[in-house]
Amino acid sequence: MSQHELPPLPYDYDALEPHISEQVLTWHHDTHHQGYVNGLNSAEETLADNRESGDYSSTAGALGNVTHNGCGHYLHTLFWENMDPNGGGEPEGDLRDRIEEDFGSYEGWKGEFEAAASAAGGWALLVYDPVAKQLRNVKVDKHDQGALWGAHPIMALDVWEHSYYYDYGPDRGDFVSNFFEVVNWDNVAENYSDVVSLFE
């Protein structure tokens, strides 16, 4: 059984200022994200122990902890990679073309994504749906409620309060707007290219 580890941030803790403060990145990465890694490892250890002992009384809870903490770990990792101090602007190339094809326009996609971010109790995601073969925006509560089976997230925005309250207070909208100042579109485009190559 592999042990999951907290990946380092791909930039310095103060690199996204003034949009996201050094303090928030420190807490968010080192404490919150580490907590999901620890929770995932602990849940997997419990499942392994239960299989060995034949006592499954704590298995249902551990299975729930795998999905909650696993999704928290995976989505946070994507979130960090989706940002860059030299980010911002708008997508280009194949990703831009696909957004315009599937949403009508970049503005149509962005408006829908911002609506998802304003309503979500956890995450707003841009995902590739391999069944319908299209991009979709998804509003996810917590880490795993509202996800679409089979869909592959290519961009993640964490809208839990710990992501923004220290910097923005209750004004989530300002946080969402400033996220677009640091989006690493090259990373999102690479994610899109990787997943589309598997299904189209």
N, C-alpha and C. Protein backbone atom coordinates (compact mmCIF):
# COMPACT_ATOMS: atom_id res chain seq x y z
N MET A 1 0.85 -1.19 0.00
CA MET A 1 0.00 0.00 0.00
C MET A 1 0.89 1.24 0.00
N SER A 2 0.63 2.14 -0.94
CA SER A 2 1.45 3.35 -1.04
C SER A 2 1.02 4.38 -0.01
N GLN A 3 1.98 5.14 0.45
CA GLN A 3 1.70 6.26 1.35
C GLN A 3 1.64 7.54 0.52
N HIS A 4 0.54 8.26 0.65
CA HIS A 4 0.38 9.51 -0.08
C HIS A 4 1.18 10.60 0.63
N GLU A 5 1.74 11.52 -0.13
CA GLU A 5 2.55 12.59 0.42
C GLU A 5 2.06 13.94 -0.07
N LEU A 6 2.26 14.96 0.75
CA LEU A 6 1.90 16.33 0.38
C LEU A 6 2.88 16.83 -0.67
N PRO A 7 2.40 17.19 -1.87
CA PRO A 7 3.33 17.72 -2.87
C PRO A 7 3.72 19.15 -2.51
N PRO A 8 4.94 19.56 -2.81
CA PRO A 8 5.31 20.96 -2.54
C PRO A 8 4.55 21.89 -3.46
N LEU A 9 4.36 23.12 -3.01
CA LEU A 9 3.80 24.13 -3.89
C LEU A 9 4.73 24.34 -5.08
N PRO A 10 4.19 24.60 -6.26
CA PRO A 10 5.05 24.83 -7.43
C PRO A 10 5.58 26.26 -7.52
N TYR A 11 5.48 27.02 -6.44
CA TYR A 11 5.96 28.41 -6.37
C TYR A 11 6.13 28.75 -4.90
N ASP A 12 6.73 29.89 -4.61
CA ASP A 12 6.91 30.33 -3.24
C ASP A 12 5.58 30.69 -2.60
N TYR A 13 5.53 30.66 -1.28
CA TYR A 13 4.29 30.92 -0.57
C TYR A 13 3.77 32.34 -0.78
N ASP A 14 4.67 33.27 -1.07
CA ASP A 14 4.23 34.66 -1.28
C ASP A 14 4.08 35.00 -2.77
N ALA A 15 4.20 34.01 -3.64
CA ALA A 15 4.27 34.27 -5.08
C ALA A 15 2.95 34.76 -5.68
N LEU A 16 1.83 34.46 -5.05
CA LEU A 16 0.53 34.83 -5.61
C LEU A 16 -0.02 36.11 -5.02
N GLU A 17 0.75 36.78 -4.17
CA GLU A 17 0.29 38.06 -3.62
C GLU A 17 0.22 39.09 -4.73
N PRO A 18 -0.71 40.04 -4.69
CA PRO A 18 -1.67 40.30 -3.62
C PRO A 18 -2.97 39.50 -3.74
N HIS A 19 -3.07 38.62 -4.70
CA HIS A 19 -4.34 37.93 -4.95
C HIS A 19 -4.63 36.87 -3.88
N ILE A 20 -3.60 36.15 -3.47
CA ILE A 20 -3.70 35.20 -2.36
C ILE A 20 -2.48 35.40 -1.49
N SER A 21 -2.68 35.64 -0.22
CA SER A 21 -1.58 36.02 0.66
C SER A 21 -0.70 34.84 1.04
N GLU A 22 0.51 35.17 1.44
CA GLU A 22 1.45 34.16 1.93
C GLU A 22 0.86 33.40 3.11
N GLN A 23 0.18 34.13 3.99
CA GLN A 23 -0.40 33.47 5.17
C GLN A 23 -1.45 32.44 4.77
N VAL A 24 -2.33 32.80 3.84
CA VAL A 24 -3.36 31.86 3.42
C VAL A 24 -2.75 30.64 2.74
N LEU A 25 -1.77 30.84 1.86
CA LEU A 25 -1.15 29.69 1.21
C LEU A 25 -0.45 28.79 2.21
N THR A 26 0.18 29.38 3.21
CA THR A 26 0.86 28.59 4.23
C THR A 26 -0.13 27.73 5.00
N TRP A 27 -1.19 28.35 5.50
CA TRP A 27 -2.22 27.59 6.23
C TRP A 27 -2.88 26.56 5.32
N HIS A 28 -3.26 27.01 4.15
CA HIS A 28 -4.06 26.17 3.25
C HIS A 28 -3.27 24.94 2.79
N HIS A 29 -2.03 25.16 2.41
CA HIS A 29 -1.21 24.04 1.93
C HIS A 29 -0.69 23.19 3.08
N ASP A 30 -0.01 23.83 4.03
CA ASP A 30 0.71 23.06 5.05
C ASP A 30 -0.21 22.43 6.09
N THR A 31 -1.36 23.04 6.34
CA THR A 31 -2.27 22.51 7.36
C THR A 31 -3.46 21.80 6.74
N HIS A 32 -4.24 22.51 5.91
CA HIS A 32 -5.46 21.91 5.36
C HIS A 32 -5.14 20.75 4.41
N HIS A 33 -4.29 21.02 3.42
CA HIS A 33 -4.00 19.96 2.46
C HIS A 33 -3.29 18.79 3.15
N GLN A 34 -2.37 19.08 4.04
CA GLN A 34 -1.70 18.00 4.77
C GLN A 34 -2.71 17.15 5.54
N GLY A 35 -3.75 17.79 6.05
CA GLY A 35 -4.77 17.05 6.78
C GLY A 35 -5.49 16.03 5.91
N TYR A 36 -5.74 16.38 4.66
CA TYR A 36 -6.38 15.42 3.75
C TYR A 36 -5.44 14.28 3.40
N VAL A 37 -4.17 14.58 3.23
CA VAL A 37 -3.18 13.52 2.97
C VAL A 37 -3.13 12.56 4.16
N ASN A 38 -3.07 13.11 5.36
CA ASN A 38 -3.04 12.28 6.56
C ASN A 38 -4.31 11.44 6.69
N GLY A 39 -5.45 12.07 6.41
CA GLY A 39 -6.73 11.36 6.51
C GLY A 39 -6.84 10.23 5.51
N LEU A 40 -6.33 10.45 4.31
CA LEU A 40 -6.36 9.40 3.29
C LEU A 40 -5.47 8.24 3.69
N ASN A 41 -4.26 8.54 4.14
CA ASN A 41 -3.36 7.47 4.57
C ASN A 41 -3.96 6.67 5.73
N SER A 42 -4.55 7.37 6.69
CA SER A 42 -5.14 6.70 7.85
C SER A 42 -6.30 5.81 7.44
N ALA A 43 -7.14 6.30 6.53
CA ALA A 43 -8.29 5.50 6.08
C ALA A 43 -7.82 4.25 5.34
N GLU A 44 -6.80 4.38 4.51
CA GLU A 44 -6.31 3.22 3.78
C GLU A 44 -5.66 2.21 4.72
N GLU A 45 -5.00 2.70 5.76
CA GLU A 45 -4.43 1.78 6.75
C GLU A 45 -5.53 1.02 7.48
N THR A 46 -6.63 1.71 7.80
CA THR A 46 -7.75 1.06 8.46
C THR A 46 -8.34 -0.03 7.58
N LEU A 47 -8.53 0.28 6.30
CA LEU A 47 -9.08 -0.73 5.39
C LEU A 47 -8.16 -1.95 5.28
N ALA A 48 -6.85 -1.71 5.20
CA ALA A 48 -5.90 -2.83 5.11
C ALA A 48 -5.94 -3.68 6.38
N ASP A 49 -5.98 -3.02 7.53
CA ASP A 49 -6.07 -3.75 8.80
C ASP A 49 -7.34 -4.57 8.87
N ASN A 50 -8.46 -3.98 8.42
CA ASN A 50 -9.73 -4.69 8.49
C ASN A 50 -9.73 -5.92 7.58
N ARG A 51 -9.13 -5.81 6.41
CA ARG A 51 -9.05 -6.97 5.52
C ARG A 51 -8.24 -8.09 6.15
N GLU A 52 -7.16 -7.70 6.81
CA GLU A 52 -6.28 -8.70 7.41
C GLU A 52 -6.94 -9.38 8.60
N SER A 53 -7.66 -8.60 9.40
CA SER A 53 -8.26 -9.15 10.61
C SER A 53 -9.62 -9.80 10.37
N GLY A 54 -10.28 -9.40 9.29
CA GLY A 54 -11.63 -9.90 9.04
C GLY A 54 -12.69 -9.17 9.82
N ASP A 55 -12.31 -8.10 10.53
CA ASP A 55 -13.26 -7.29 11.28
C ASP A 55 -13.58 -6.05 10.44
N TYR A 56 -14.80 -5.99 9.92
CA TYR A 56 -15.18 -4.90 9.02
C TYR A 56 -16.09 -3.87 9.68
N SER A 57 -16.09 -3.82 11.01
CA SER A 57 -17.00 -2.92 11.71
C SER A 57 -16.70 -1.45 11.45
N SER A 58 -15.46 -1.10 11.14
CA SER A 58 -15.12 0.30 10.87
C SER A 58 -14.89 0.58 9.39
N THR A 59 -15.21 -0.41 8.55
CA THR A 59 -14.91 -0.29 7.12
C THR A 59 -15.74 0.78 6.43
N ALA A 60 -17.03 0.85 6.73
CA ALA A 60 -17.90 1.83 6.04
C ALA A 60 -17.40 3.25 6.28
N GLY A 61 -17.04 3.56 7.51
CA GLY A 61 -16.51 4.89 7.80
C GLY A 61 -15.20 5.16 7.10
N ALA A 62 -14.35 4.15 7.05
CA ALA A 62 -13.06 4.32 6.38
C ALA A 62 -13.23 4.52 4.88
N LEU A 63 -14.20 3.82 4.29
CA LEU A 63 -14.46 4.02 2.86
C LEU A 63 -14.90 5.45 2.58
N GLY A 64 -15.75 5.99 3.44
CA GLY A 64 -16.16 7.39 3.31
C GLY A 64 -15.00 8.34 3.47
N ASN A 65 -14.08 8.00 4.37
CA ASN A 65 -12.91 8.85 4.57
C ASN A 65 -11.95 8.80 3.38
N VAL A 66 -11.90 7.66 2.68
CA VAL A 66 -11.07 7.59 1.48
C VAL A 66 -11.57 8.57 0.43
N THR A 67 -12.88 8.55 0.16
CA THR A 67 -13.39 9.45 -0.88
C THR A 67 -13.29 10.91 -0.47
N HIS A 68 -13.63 11.22 0.78
CA HIS A 68 -13.57 12.62 1.22
C HIS A 68 -12.14 13.15 1.21
N ASN A 69 -11.24 12.43 1.84
CA ASN A 69 -9.85 12.89 1.93
C ASN A 69 -9.11 12.72 0.61
N GLY A 70 -9.43 11.64 -0.13
CA GLY A 70 -8.79 11.46 -1.42
C GLY A 70 -9.16 12.58 -2.38
N CYS A 71 -10.43 12.91 -2.47
CA CYS A 71 -10.84 14.02 -3.33
C CYS A 71 -10.24 15.33 -2.85
N GLY A 72 -10.18 15.54 -1.54
CA GLY A 72 -9.55 16.75 -1.02
C GLY A 72 -8.09 16.84 -1.42
N HIS A 73 -7.39 15.74 -1.34
CA HIS A 73 -5.97 15.70 -1.72
C HIS A 73 -5.80 15.94 -3.21
N TYR A 74 -6.54 15.22 -4.03
CA TYR A 74 -6.37 15.32 -5.48
C TYR A 74 -6.76 16.70 -6.00
N LEU A 75 -7.87 17.24 -5.50
CA LEU A 75 -8.33 18.54 -5.99
C LEU A 75 -7.41 19.67 -5.54
N HIS A 76 -6.89 19.59 -4.31
CA HIS A 76 -5.94 20.62 -3.87
C HIS A 76 -4.67 20.58 -4.72
N THR A 77 -4.21 19.39 -5.04
CA THR A 77 -3.01 19.28 -5.87
C THR A 77 -3.25 19.95 -7.22
N LEU A 78 -4.41 19.71 -7.82
CA LEU A 78 -4.76 20.34 -9.09
C LEU A 78 -4.87 21.86 -8.93
N PHE A 79 -5.48 22.31 -7.85
CA PHE A 79 -5.66 23.74 -7.58
C PHE A 79 -4.32 24.46 -7.55
N TRP A 80 -3.35 23.90 -6.83
CA TRP A 80 -2.03 24.56 -6.78
C TRP A 80 -1.41 24.63 -8.17
N GLU A 81 -1.52 23.54 -8.93
CA GLU A 81 -0.91 23.50 -10.26
C GLU A 81 -1.62 24.43 -11.25
N ASN A 82 -2.90 24.71 -10.99
CA ASN A 82 -3.68 25.57 -11.88
C ASN A 82 -3.38 27.04 -11.71
N MET A 83 -2.48 27.39 -10.78
CA MET A 83 -2.15 28.80 -10.55
C MET A 83 -0.67 29.03 -10.78
N ASP A 84 -0.33 30.28 -11.10
CA ASP A 84 1.06 30.66 -11.35
C ASP A 84 1.18 32.17 -11.16
N PRO A 85 2.30 32.64 -10.58
CA PRO A 85 2.45 34.09 -10.40
C PRO A 85 2.44 34.86 -11.71
N ASN A 86 2.75 34.20 -12.81
CA ASN A 86 2.72 34.85 -14.13
C ASN A 86 1.48 34.45 -14.92
N GLY A 87 0.46 33.98 -14.22
CA GLY A 87 -0.76 33.54 -14.88
C GLY A 87 -1.69 34.68 -15.23
N GLY A 88 -2.93 34.34 -15.49
CA GLY A 88 -3.92 35.32 -15.86
C GLY A 88 -4.20 35.31 -17.36
N GLY A 89 -4.90 36.32 -17.80
CA GLY A 89 -5.26 36.39 -19.21
C GLY A 89 -6.39 35.43 -19.54
N GLU A 90 -6.39 34.93 -20.76
CA GLU A 90 -7.43 34.02 -21.22
C GLU A 90 -6.78 32.83 -21.92
N PRO A 91 -7.50 31.71 -22.00
CA PRO A 91 -6.94 30.54 -22.67
C PRO A 91 -6.79 30.79 -24.17
N GLU A 92 -5.88 30.04 -24.77
CA GLU A 92 -5.63 30.16 -26.20
C GLU A 92 -5.63 28.77 -26.84
N GLY A 93 -5.50 28.73 -28.15
CA GLY A 93 -5.30 27.48 -28.86
C GLY A 93 -6.47 26.52 -28.78
N ASP A 94 -6.16 25.22 -28.70
CA ASP A 94 -7.19 24.18 -28.72
C ASP A 94 -8.15 24.31 -27.55
N LEU A 95 -7.65 24.67 -26.37
CA LEU A 95 -8.53 24.80 -25.22
C LEU A 95 -9.53 25.93 -25.44
N ARG A 96 -9.06 27.07 -25.95
CA ARG A 96 -9.96 28.19 -26.23
C ARG A 96 -11.02 27.77 -27.25
N ASP A 97 -10.59 27.09 -28.28
CA ASP A 97 -11.53 26.65 -29.31
C ASP A 97 -12.59 25.72 -28.72
N ARG A 98 -12.16 24.82 -27.85
CA ARG A 98 -13.10 23.86 -27.27
C ARG A 98 -14.08 24.54 -26.31
N ILE A 99 -13.59 25.49 -25.54
CA ILE A 99 -14.48 26.25 -24.65
C ILE A 99 -15.54 26.97 -25.47
N GLU A 100 -15.14 27.59 -26.56
CA GLU A 100 -16.10 28.31 -27.40
C GLU A 100 -17.08 27.35 -28.06
N GLU A 101 -16.61 26.16 -28.43
CA GLU A 101 -17.49 25.15 -29.03
C GLU A 101 -18.52 24.64 -28.04
N ASP A 102 -18.07 24.36 -26.81
CA ASP A 102 -18.95 23.71 -25.84
C ASP A 102 -19.80 24.69 -25.04
N PHE A 103 -19.37 25.94 -24.93
CA PHE A 103 -20.10 26.92 -24.11
C PHE A 103 -20.60 28.12 -24.93
N GLY A 104 -20.29 28.15 -26.20
CA GLY A 104 -20.74 29.25 -27.02
C GLY A 104 -19.75 30.39 -27.13
N SER A 105 -19.05 30.64 -26.04
CA SER A 105 -18.04 31.71 -26.00
C SER A 105 -17.25 31.56 -24.72
N TYR A 106 -16.08 32.19 -24.66
CA TYR A 106 -15.31 32.21 -23.42
C TYR A 106 -16.11 32.91 -22.33
N GLU A 107 -16.77 34.01 -22.68
CA GLU A 107 -17.56 34.76 -21.70
C GLU A 107 -18.70 33.90 -21.15
N GLY A 108 -19.31 33.08 -22.04
CA GLY A 108 -20.37 32.19 -21.57
C GLY A 108 -19.85 31.15 -20.60
N TRP A 109 -18.66 30.60 -20.90
CA TRP A 109 -18.07 29.64 -19.98
C TRP A 109 -17.73 30.31 -18.64
N LYS A 110 -17.09 31.48 -18.71
CA LYS A 110 -16.63 32.13 -17.48
C LYS A 110 -17.80 32.52 -16.60
N GLY A 111 -18.86 33.04 -17.19
CA GLY A 111 -20.03 33.40 -16.40
C GLY A 111 -20.63 32.21 -15.69
N GLU A 112 -20.70 31.08 -16.38
CA GLU A 112 -21.23 29.86 -15.78
C GLU A 112 -20.30 29.34 -14.69
N PHE A 113 -19.00 29.40 -14.93
CA PHE A 113 -18.03 28.94 -13.93
C PHE A 113 -18.11 29.80 -12.68
N GLU A 114 -18.21 31.10 -12.85
CA GLU A 114 -18.32 32.00 -11.69
C GLU A 114 -19.61 31.74 -10.92
N ALA A 115 -20.70 31.41 -11.62
CA ALA A 115 -21.95 31.07 -10.94
C ALA A 115 -21.78 29.79 -10.12
N ALA A 116 -21.07 28.82 -10.68
CA ALA A 116 -20.80 27.60 -9.93
C ALA A 116 -19.97 27.91 -8.69
N ALA A 117 -18.96 28.78 -8.85
CA ALA A 117 -18.09 29.13 -7.72
C ALA A 117 -18.85 29.88 -6.64
N SER A 118 -19.83 30.68 -7.02
CA SER A 118 -20.58 31.46 -6.03
C SER A 118 -21.54 30.59 -5.24
N ALA A 119 -21.96 29.47 -5.82
CA ALA A 119 -22.96 28.62 -5.18
C ALA A 119 -22.39 27.38 -4.52
N ALA A 120 -21.19 26.98 -4.89
CA ALA A 120 -20.63 25.72 -4.41
C ALA A 120 -20.28 25.80 -2.93
N GLY A 121 -20.42 24.66 -2.27
CA GLY A 121 -19.97 24.53 -0.89
C GLY A 121 -18.64 23.81 -0.82
N GLY A 122 -17.82 23.99 -1.83
CA GLY A 122 -16.53 23.32 -1.86
C GLY A 122 -15.68 23.74 -3.04
N TRP A 123 -16.11 23.35 -4.26
CA TRP A 123 -15.28 23.54 -5.44
C TRP A 123 -16.10 23.91 -6.65
N ALA A 124 -15.51 24.72 -7.53
CA ALA A 124 -15.98 24.88 -8.90
C ALA A 124 -14.93 24.22 -9.79
N LEU A 125 -15.39 23.35 -10.67
CA LEU A 125 -14.47 22.58 -11.51
C LEU A 125 -14.83 22.73 -12.98
N LEU A 126 -13.81 22.81 -13.82
CA LEU A 126 -13.97 22.62 -15.25
C LEU A 126 -13.50 21.20 -15.52
N VAL A 127 -14.40 20.37 -16.07
CA VAL A 127 -14.10 18.96 -16.27
C VAL A 127 -14.33 18.59 -17.72
N TYR A 128 -13.67 17.51 -18.12
CA TYR A 128 -13.95 16.90 -19.41
C TYR A 128 -14.82 15.67 -19.18
N ASP A 129 -15.97 15.64 -19.82
CA ASP A 129 -16.92 14.53 -19.71
C ASP A 129 -16.68 13.59 -20.89
N PRO A 130 -16.07 12.41 -20.67
CA PRO A 130 -15.74 11.53 -21.79
C PRO A 130 -16.94 10.80 -22.38
N VAL A 131 -18.07 10.79 -21.68
CA VAL A 131 -19.27 10.15 -22.23
C VAL A 131 -19.90 11.06 -23.28
N ALA A 132 -20.12 12.33 -22.89
CA ALA A 132 -20.69 13.30 -23.83
C ALA A 132 -19.62 13.92 -24.73
N LYS A 133 -18.36 13.67 -24.38
CA LYS A 133 -17.22 14.23 -25.12
C LYS A 133 -17.32 15.76 -25.19
N GLN A 134 -17.41 16.37 -24.01
CA GLN A 134 -17.47 17.82 -23.95
C GLN A 134 -16.95 18.31 -22.60
N LEU A 135 -16.61 19.58 -22.58
CA LEU A 135 -16.26 20.23 -21.33
C LEU A 135 -17.53 20.61 -20.58
N ARG A 136 -17.46 20.56 -19.27
CA ARG A 136 -18.58 20.96 -18.42
C ARG A 136 -18.05 21.70 -17.20
N ASN A 137 -18.85 22.62 -16.68
CA ASN A 137 -18.61 23.18 -15.35
C ASN A 137 -19.38 22.35 -14.34
N VAL A 138 -18.77 22.11 -13.20
CA VAL A 138 -19.40 21.30 -12.17
C VAL A 138 -19.28 22.03 -10.83
N LYS A 139 -20.38 22.04 -10.09
CA LYS A 139 -20.42 22.61 -8.74
C LYS A 139 -20.36 21.46 -7.75
N VAL A 140 -19.30 21.41 -6.96
CA VAL A 140 -19.10 20.30 -6.03
C VAL A 140 -19.16 20.82 -4.59
N ASP A 141 -19.97 20.17 -3.78
CA ASP A 141 -20.03 20.48 -2.36
C ASP A 141 -19.08 19.56 -1.61
N LYS A 142 -18.51 20.10 -0.53
CA LYS A 142 -17.44 19.41 0.18
C LYS A 142 -16.36 19.07 -0.85
N HIS A 143 -15.98 17.81 -0.98
CA HIS A 143 -15.01 17.44 -2.00
C HIS A 143 -15.56 16.46 -3.02
N ASP A 144 -16.71 15.86 -2.69
CA ASP A 144 -17.13 14.71 -3.48
C ASP A 144 -18.64 14.64 -3.72
N GLN A 145 -19.37 15.71 -3.42
CA GLN A 145 -20.82 15.70 -3.62
C GLN A 145 -21.17 16.59 -4.82
N GLY A 146 -21.69 15.98 -5.86
CA GLY A 146 -22.02 16.71 -7.07
C GLY A 146 -21.06 16.43 -8.20
N ALA A 147 -20.09 15.55 -7.96
CA ALA A 147 -19.15 15.18 -9.01
C ALA A 147 -19.87 14.35 -10.07
N LEU A 148 -19.34 14.37 -11.27
CA LEU A 148 -19.91 13.61 -12.39
C LEU A 148 -19.05 12.38 -12.62
N TRP A 149 -19.64 11.20 -12.54
CA TRP A 149 -18.88 9.96 -12.71
C TRP A 149 -18.17 9.96 -14.06
N GLY A 150 -16.89 9.62 -14.02
CA GLY A 150 -16.10 9.50 -15.22
C GLY A 150 -15.47 10.79 -15.71
N ALA A 151 -15.95 11.92 -15.21
CA ALA A 151 -15.42 13.21 -15.66
C ALA A 151 -14.03 13.45 -15.08
N HIS A 152 -13.21 14.15 -15.84
CA HIS A 152 -11.84 14.42 -15.45
C HIS A 152 -11.65 15.92 -15.21
N PRO A 153 -11.40 16.34 -13.96
CA PRO A 153 -11.17 17.76 -13.71
C PRO A 153 -9.88 18.24 -14.39
N ILE A 154 -9.97 19.37 -15.07
CA ILE A 154 -8.78 19.98 -15.65
C ILE A 154 -8.47 21.33 -15.01
N MET A 155 -9.45 21.91 -14.29
CA MET A 155 -9.23 23.15 -13.56
C MET A 155 -10.08 23.13 -12.31
N ALA A 156 -9.48 23.53 -11.20
CA ALA A 156 -10.18 23.49 -9.92
C ALA A 156 -10.02 24.81 -9.19
N LEU A 157 -11.13 25.30 -8.65
CA LEU A 157 -11.12 26.49 -7.80
C LEU A 157 -11.73 26.13 -6.46
N ASP A 158 -10.93 26.22 -5.42
CA ASP A 158 -11.37 25.92 -4.06
C ASP A 158 -12.11 27.13 -3.51
N VAL A 159 -13.38 26.96 -3.16
CA VAL A 159 -14.16 28.06 -2.59
C VAL A 159 -14.63 27.76 -1.17
N TRP A 160 -13.97 26.81 -0.51
CA TRP A 160 -14.18 26.70 0.93
C TRP A 160 -13.73 28.01 1.58
N GLU A 161 -14.33 28.35 2.72
CA GLU A 161 -14.01 29.64 3.34
C GLU A 161 -12.54 29.77 3.71
N HIS A 162 -11.87 28.66 4.02
CA HIS A 162 -10.45 28.79 4.39
C HIS A 162 -9.60 29.26 3.22
N SER A 163 -10.16 29.20 1.98
CA SER A 163 -9.40 29.64 0.81
C SER A 163 -9.31 31.16 0.71
N TYR A 164 -10.29 31.85 1.27
CA TYR A 164 -10.38 33.28 0.99
C TYR A 164 -10.74 34.19 2.16
N TYR A 165 -11.27 33.64 3.26
CA TYR A 165 -11.85 34.50 4.29
C TYR A 165 -10.81 35.42 4.93
N TYR A 166 -9.60 34.92 5.13
CA TYR A 166 -8.56 35.75 5.74
C TYR A 166 -8.23 36.95 4.87
N ASP A 167 -8.22 36.75 3.56
CA ASP A 167 -7.86 37.83 2.62
C ASP A 167 -9.04 38.70 2.23
N TYR A 168 -10.23 38.10 2.09
CA TYR A 168 -11.36 38.82 1.49
C TYR A 168 -12.57 38.94 2.39
N GLY A 169 -12.52 38.36 3.60
CA GLY A 169 -13.72 38.35 4.42
C GLY A 169 -14.81 37.55 3.70
N PRO A 170 -16.07 37.99 3.83
CA PRO A 170 -17.15 37.22 3.21
C PRO A 170 -17.30 37.45 1.71
N ASP A 171 -16.44 38.27 1.10
CA ASP A 171 -16.60 38.61 -0.31
C ASP A 171 -15.96 37.56 -1.21
N ARG A 172 -16.65 36.46 -1.37
CA ARG A 172 -16.15 35.37 -2.20
C ARG A 172 -15.99 35.82 -3.66
N GLY A 173 -16.87 36.71 -4.11
CA GLY A 173 -16.82 37.16 -5.49
C GLY A 173 -15.50 37.80 -5.85
N ASP A 174 -14.93 38.61 -4.95
CA ASP A 174 -13.63 39.23 -5.21
C ASP A 174 -12.54 38.17 -5.30
N PHE A 175 -12.63 37.16 -4.44
CA PHE A 175 -11.65 36.07 -4.50
C PHE A 175 -11.72 35.35 -5.84
N VAL A 176 -12.93 35.04 -6.29
CA VAL A 176 -13.10 34.35 -7.56
C VAL A 176 -12.55 35.19 -8.70
N SER A 177 -12.83 36.50 -8.68
CA SER A 177 -12.31 37.39 -9.72
C SER A 177 -10.79 37.40 -9.73
N ASN A 178 -10.19 37.42 -8.56
CA ASN A 178 -8.73 37.47 -8.47
C ASN A 178 -8.08 36.14 -8.81
N PHE A 179 -8.82 35.04 -8.66
CA PHE A 179 -8.31 33.75 -9.11
C PHE A 179 -7.95 33.81 -10.59
N PHE A 180 -8.75 34.52 -11.37
CA PHE A 180 -8.49 34.61 -12.80
C PHE A 180 -7.25 35.43 -13.13
N GLU A 181 -6.74 36.16 -12.15
CA GLU A 181 -5.49 36.90 -12.34
C GLU A 181 -4.26 36.00 -12.23
N VAL A 182 -4.45 34.80 -11.70
CA VAL A 182 -3.31 33.89 -11.50
C VAL A 182 -3.52 32.52 -12.13
N VAL A 183 -4.59 32.34 -12.91
CA VAL A 183 -4.82 31.04 -13.57
C VAL A 183 -3.66 30.72 -14.49
N ASN A 184 -3.15 29.52 -14.37
CA ASN A 184 -2.08 29.03 -15.23
C ASN A 184 -2.75 28.31 -16.41
N TRP A 185 -3.09 29.06 -17.45
CA TRP A 185 -3.81 28.48 -18.58
C TRP A 185 -2.98 27.43 -19.31
N ASP A 186 -1.67 27.56 -19.27
CA ASP A 186 -0.82 26.54 -19.90
C ASP A 186 -1.03 25.19 -19.23
N ASN A 187 -1.13 25.20 -17.90
CA ASN A 187 -1.37 23.96 -17.17
C ASN A 187 -2.75 23.40 -17.47
N VAL A 188 -3.76 24.26 -17.48
CA VAL A 188 -5.12 23.80 -17.79
C VAL A 188 -5.17 23.21 -19.19
N ALA A 189 -4.51 23.88 -20.15
CA ALA A 189 -4.49 23.39 -21.53
C ALA A 189 -3.78 22.05 -21.63
N GLU A 190 -2.71 21.88 -20.87
CA GLU A 190 -2.01 20.59 -20.87
C GLU A 190 -2.90 19.49 -20.29
N ASN A 191 -3.62 19.81 -19.21
CA ASN A 191 -4.55 18.83 -18.64
C ASN A 191 -5.62 18.44 -19.66
N TYR A 192 -6.14 19.45 -20.35
CA TYR A 192 -7.16 19.20 -21.37
C TYR A 192 -6.61 18.30 -22.47
N SER A 193 -5.44 18.63 -22.97
CA SER A 193 -4.83 17.85 -24.04
C SER A 193 -4.60 16.40 -23.62
N ASP A 194 -4.11 16.23 -22.39
CA ASP A 194 -3.83 14.87 -21.89
C ASP A 194 -5.09 14.02 -21.84
N VAL A 195 -6.19 14.60 -21.32
CA VAL A 195 -7.38 13.79 -21.15
C VAL A 195 -8.09 13.56 -22.48
N VAL A 196 -8.10 14.55 -23.35
CA VAL A 196 -8.76 14.36 -24.64
C VAL A 196 -8.04 13.31 -25.47
N SER A 197 -6.73 13.23 -25.32
CA SER A 197 -5.97 12.24 -26.08
C SER A 197 -6.38 10.81 -25.70
N LEU A 198 -6.97 10.63 -24.53
CA LEU A 198 -7.39 9.30 -24.09
C LEU A 198 -8.74 8.89 -24.66
N PHE A 199 -9.56 9.89 -25.03
CA PHE A 199 -10.95 9.58 -25.35
C PHE A 199 -11.40 10.02 -26.74
N GLU A 200 -10.63 10.84 -27.42
CA GLU A 200 -11.06 11.31 -28.74
C GLU A 200 -10.03 10.94 -29.80
